[in-house]
Amino acid sequence: MTLLELSESYRAAAAPLRGRLAQLRRELAAADDAEEIWRLKRRIAALTPMLTEMNELAELTARYYERGYYRSEKYTL
């Protein structure tokens, strides 16, 4: 598997997360119960960093070999 193929895998894996987050935000907007609101906010808070990391890794693996591409120090040794 090449890094470009890996990048596409990350993008594909991010799509359901993006959809789930959108659904949770809609549920949060419609929620009235304080406990339900708290539960939805916790779930959103747990999924958001996962989506962010998938997007960052998709970008990194897609552009890894480009000259001039600035790599985040988060993913370098």
N, C-alpha and C. Protein backbone atom coordinates (compact mmCIF):
# COMPACT_ATOMS: atom_id res chain seq x y z
N MET A 1 0.85 -1.17 0.00
CA MET A 1 0.00 0.00 0.00
C MET A 1 0.90 1.24 0.00
N THR A 2 0.62 2.16 -0.89
CA THR A 2 1.39 3.39 -0.96
C THR A 2 0.79 4.42 0.00
N LEU A 3 1.55 5.48 0.24
CA LEU A 3 1.06 6.53 1.12
C LEU A 3 -0.18 7.22 0.53
N LEU A 4 -0.23 7.32 -0.79
CA LEU A 4 -1.40 7.94 -1.42
C LEU A 4 -2.64 7.07 -1.20
N GLU A 5 -2.47 5.76 -1.31
CA GLU A 5 -3.60 4.86 -1.03
C GLU A 5 -4.00 4.93 0.44
N LEU A 6 -3.02 5.03 1.31
CA LEU A 6 -3.30 5.18 2.73
C LEU A 6 -4.07 6.46 3.01
N SER A 7 -3.70 7.51 2.30
CA SER A 7 -4.40 8.79 2.43
C SER A 7 -5.88 8.64 2.08
N GLU A 8 -6.16 7.93 1.01
CA GLU A 8 -7.56 7.70 0.61
C GLU A 8 -8.30 6.88 1.66
N SER A 9 -7.60 5.95 2.29
CA SER A 9 -8.22 5.15 3.36
C SER A 9 -8.59 6.04 4.54
N TYR A 10 -7.70 6.97 4.89
CA TYR A 10 -8.00 7.90 5.98
C TYR A 10 -9.21 8.77 5.63
N ARG A 11 -9.25 9.25 4.40
CA ARG A 11 -10.38 10.09 3.99
C ARG A 11 -11.70 9.30 4.02
N ALA A 12 -11.64 8.04 3.57
CA ALA A 12 -12.84 7.20 3.58
C ALA A 12 -13.29 6.91 5.01
N ALA A 13 -12.35 6.70 5.92
CA ALA A 13 -12.68 6.42 7.31
C ALA A 13 -13.23 7.67 8.01
N ALA A 14 -12.84 8.84 7.55
CA ALA A 14 -13.30 10.09 8.15
C ALA A 14 -14.75 10.42 7.77
N ALA A 15 -15.20 9.94 6.63
CA ALA A 15 -16.55 10.28 6.15
C ALA A 15 -17.65 9.85 7.13
N PRO A 16 -17.65 8.60 7.62
CA PRO A 16 -18.71 8.24 8.59
C PRO A 16 -18.62 9.04 9.89
N LEU A 17 -17.40 9.35 10.31
CA LEU A 17 -17.24 10.18 11.52
C LEU A 17 -17.84 11.56 11.31
N ARG A 18 -17.59 12.13 10.14
CA ARG A 18 -18.12 13.45 9.83
C ARG A 18 -19.65 13.42 9.85
N GLY A 19 -20.22 12.37 9.29
CA GLY A 19 -21.68 12.22 9.28
C GLY A 19 -22.24 12.03 10.69
N ARG A 20 -21.56 11.23 11.49
CA ARG A 20 -22.03 11.00 12.86
C ARG A 20 -21.97 12.29 13.68
N LEU A 21 -20.90 13.07 13.50
CA LEU A 21 -20.79 14.34 14.22
C LEU A 21 -21.90 15.29 13.81
N ALA A 22 -22.22 15.33 12.54
CA ALA A 22 -23.32 16.19 12.08
C ALA A 22 -24.64 15.75 12.70
N GLN A 23 -24.87 14.44 12.76
CA GLN A 23 -26.08 13.91 13.37
C GLN A 23 -26.15 14.27 14.86
N LEU A 24 -25.03 14.11 15.57
CA LEU A 24 -25.00 14.44 16.99
C LEU A 24 -25.26 15.92 17.24
N ARG A 25 -24.74 16.77 16.36
CA ARG A 25 -24.98 18.22 16.51
C ARG A 25 -26.44 18.58 16.28
N ARG A 26 -27.07 17.89 15.34
CA ARG A 26 -28.51 18.11 15.12
C ARG A 26 -29.31 17.66 16.34
N GLU A 27 -28.93 16.50 16.90
CA GLU A 27 -29.61 16.01 18.10
C GLU A 27 -29.40 16.97 19.27
N LEU A 28 -28.20 17.53 19.37
CA LEU A 28 -27.89 18.47 20.44
C LEU A 28 -28.75 19.72 20.32
N ALA A 29 -28.94 20.20 19.11
CA ALA A 29 -29.76 21.39 18.90
C ALA A 29 -31.22 21.15 19.28
N ALA A 30 -31.68 19.90 19.15
CA ALA A 30 -33.08 19.58 19.44
C ALA A 30 -33.28 19.09 20.87
N ALA A 31 -32.21 18.83 21.59
CA ALA A 31 -32.32 18.23 22.94
C ALA A 31 -32.81 19.25 23.97
N ASP A 32 -33.63 18.76 24.90
CA ASP A 32 -34.15 19.60 25.98
C ASP A 32 -33.64 19.14 27.34
N ASP A 33 -33.42 17.86 27.49
CA ASP A 33 -33.01 17.27 28.76
C ASP A 33 -31.53 17.57 29.03
N ALA A 34 -31.23 18.05 30.23
CA ALA A 34 -29.85 18.41 30.59
C ALA A 34 -28.91 17.22 30.52
N GLU A 35 -29.39 16.06 30.94
CA GLU A 35 -28.55 14.86 30.89
C GLU A 35 -28.26 14.44 29.45
N GLU A 36 -29.25 14.55 28.60
CA GLU A 36 -29.07 14.23 27.18
C GLU A 36 -28.09 15.21 26.53
N ILE A 37 -28.21 16.48 26.85
CA ILE A 37 -27.29 17.49 26.33
C ILE A 37 -25.87 17.18 26.76
N TRP A 38 -25.69 16.82 28.04
CA TRP A 38 -24.37 16.49 28.56
C TRP A 38 -23.80 15.28 27.83
N ARG A 39 -24.62 14.24 27.62
CA ARG A 39 -24.18 13.02 26.94
C ARG A 39 -23.76 13.32 25.50
N LEU A 40 -24.55 14.13 24.80
CA LEU A 40 -24.24 14.47 23.41
C LEU A 40 -22.95 15.29 23.32
N LYS A 41 -22.78 16.23 24.23
CA LYS A 41 -21.56 17.04 24.21
C LYS A 41 -20.33 16.19 24.48
N ARG A 42 -20.44 15.23 25.38
CA ARG A 42 -19.30 14.33 25.67
C ARG A 42 -18.97 13.48 24.44
N ARG A 43 -19.99 13.00 23.76
CA ARG A 43 -19.75 12.17 22.57
C ARG A 43 -19.12 13.01 21.46
N ILE A 44 -19.60 14.22 21.27
CA ILE A 44 -19.01 15.12 20.27
C ILE A 44 -17.56 15.42 20.62
N ALA A 45 -17.30 15.66 21.90
CA ALA A 45 -15.94 15.96 22.34
C ALA A 45 -15.00 14.77 22.13
N ALA A 46 -15.52 13.56 22.21
CA ALA A 46 -14.69 12.36 22.00
C ALA A 46 -14.42 12.12 20.52
N LEU A 47 -15.38 12.41 19.66
CA LEU A 47 -15.22 12.12 18.23
C LEU A 47 -14.47 13.21 17.46
N THR A 48 -14.55 14.45 17.92
CA THR A 48 -13.93 15.55 17.20
C THR A 48 -12.41 15.39 17.04
N PRO A 49 -11.66 15.03 18.09
CA PRO A 49 -10.21 14.84 17.89
C PRO A 49 -9.89 13.68 16.94
N MET A 50 -10.74 12.65 16.93
CA MET A 50 -10.52 11.54 16.00
C MET A 50 -10.62 12.02 14.56
N LEU A 51 -11.64 12.81 14.28
CA LEU A 51 -11.83 13.34 12.93
C LEU A 51 -10.68 14.26 12.56
N THR A 52 -10.28 15.11 13.47
CA THR A 52 -9.17 16.02 13.21
C THR A 52 -7.90 15.26 12.87
N GLU A 53 -7.61 14.23 13.64
CA GLU A 53 -6.40 13.45 13.40
C GLU A 53 -6.47 12.70 12.08
N MET A 54 -7.62 12.16 11.74
CA MET A 54 -7.76 11.48 10.44
C MET A 54 -7.54 12.45 9.30
N ASN A 55 -8.08 13.65 9.41
CA ASN A 55 -7.88 14.65 8.36
C ASN A 55 -6.41 15.05 8.25
N GLU A 56 -5.74 15.24 9.40
CA GLU A 56 -4.33 15.59 9.38
C GLU A 56 -3.49 14.48 8.77
N LEU A 57 -3.77 13.24 9.12
CA LEU A 57 -3.00 12.12 8.58
C LEU A 57 -3.28 11.91 7.09
N ALA A 58 -4.50 12.15 6.66
CA ALA A 58 -4.81 12.05 5.24
C ALA A 58 -4.01 13.08 4.45
N GLU A 59 -3.93 14.29 4.98
CA GLU A 59 -3.16 15.35 4.32
C GLU A 59 -1.67 15.01 4.32
N LEU A 60 -1.16 14.55 5.44
CA LEU A 60 0.26 14.22 5.55
C LEU A 60 0.63 13.09 4.60
N THR A 61 -0.14 12.03 4.57
CA THR A 61 0.21 10.90 3.71
C THR A 61 0.02 11.22 2.23
N ALA A 62 -0.89 12.09 1.91
CA ALA A 62 -1.11 12.46 0.51
C ALA A 62 0.03 13.33 -0.02
N ARG A 63 0.59 14.17 0.82
CA ARG A 63 1.59 15.14 0.36
C ARG A 63 2.99 14.88 0.91
N TYR A 64 3.22 13.70 1.47
CA TYR A 64 4.46 13.41 2.18
C TYR A 64 5.71 13.64 1.34
N TYR A 65 5.67 13.26 0.07
CA TYR A 65 6.87 13.35 -0.75
C TYR A 65 6.98 14.64 -1.56
N GLU A 66 6.05 15.56 -1.39
CA GLU A 66 6.14 16.83 -2.11
C GLU A 66 7.27 17.67 -1.52
N ARG A 67 8.04 18.30 -2.38
CA ARG A 67 9.15 19.14 -1.90
C ARG A 67 8.60 20.33 -1.18
N GLY A 68 8.75 21.05 -0.52
CA GLY A 68 8.23 22.25 0.07
C GLY A 68 7.04 22.08 1.00
N TYR A 69 6.51 20.85 1.08
CA TYR A 69 5.36 20.64 1.96
C TYR A 69 5.85 20.67 3.41
N TYR A 70 5.25 21.54 4.21
CA TYR A 70 5.64 21.66 5.61
C TYR A 70 4.90 20.59 6.41
N ARG A 71 5.65 19.69 7.00
CA ARG A 71 5.06 18.63 7.80
C ARG A 71 4.90 19.10 9.23
N SER A 72 3.78 18.80 9.81
CA SER A 72 3.53 19.14 11.20
C SER A 72 4.54 18.41 12.09
N GLU A 73 5.06 19.09 13.08
CA GLU A 73 6.00 18.45 13.98
C GLU A 73 5.33 17.40 14.85
N LYS A 74 4.03 17.40 14.86
CA LYS A 74 3.28 16.42 15.63
C LYS A 74 3.55 15.00 15.13
N TYR A 75 3.82 14.85 13.84
CA TYR A 75 3.99 13.53 13.24
C TYR A 75 5.42 13.26 12.78
N THR A 76 6.39 14.02 13.24
CA THR A 76 7.78 13.76 12.88
C THR A 76 8.59 13.42 14.11
N LEU A 77 9.67 12.74 13.89
CA LEU A 77 10.53 12.35 15.02
C LEU A 77 11.57 13.40 15.30
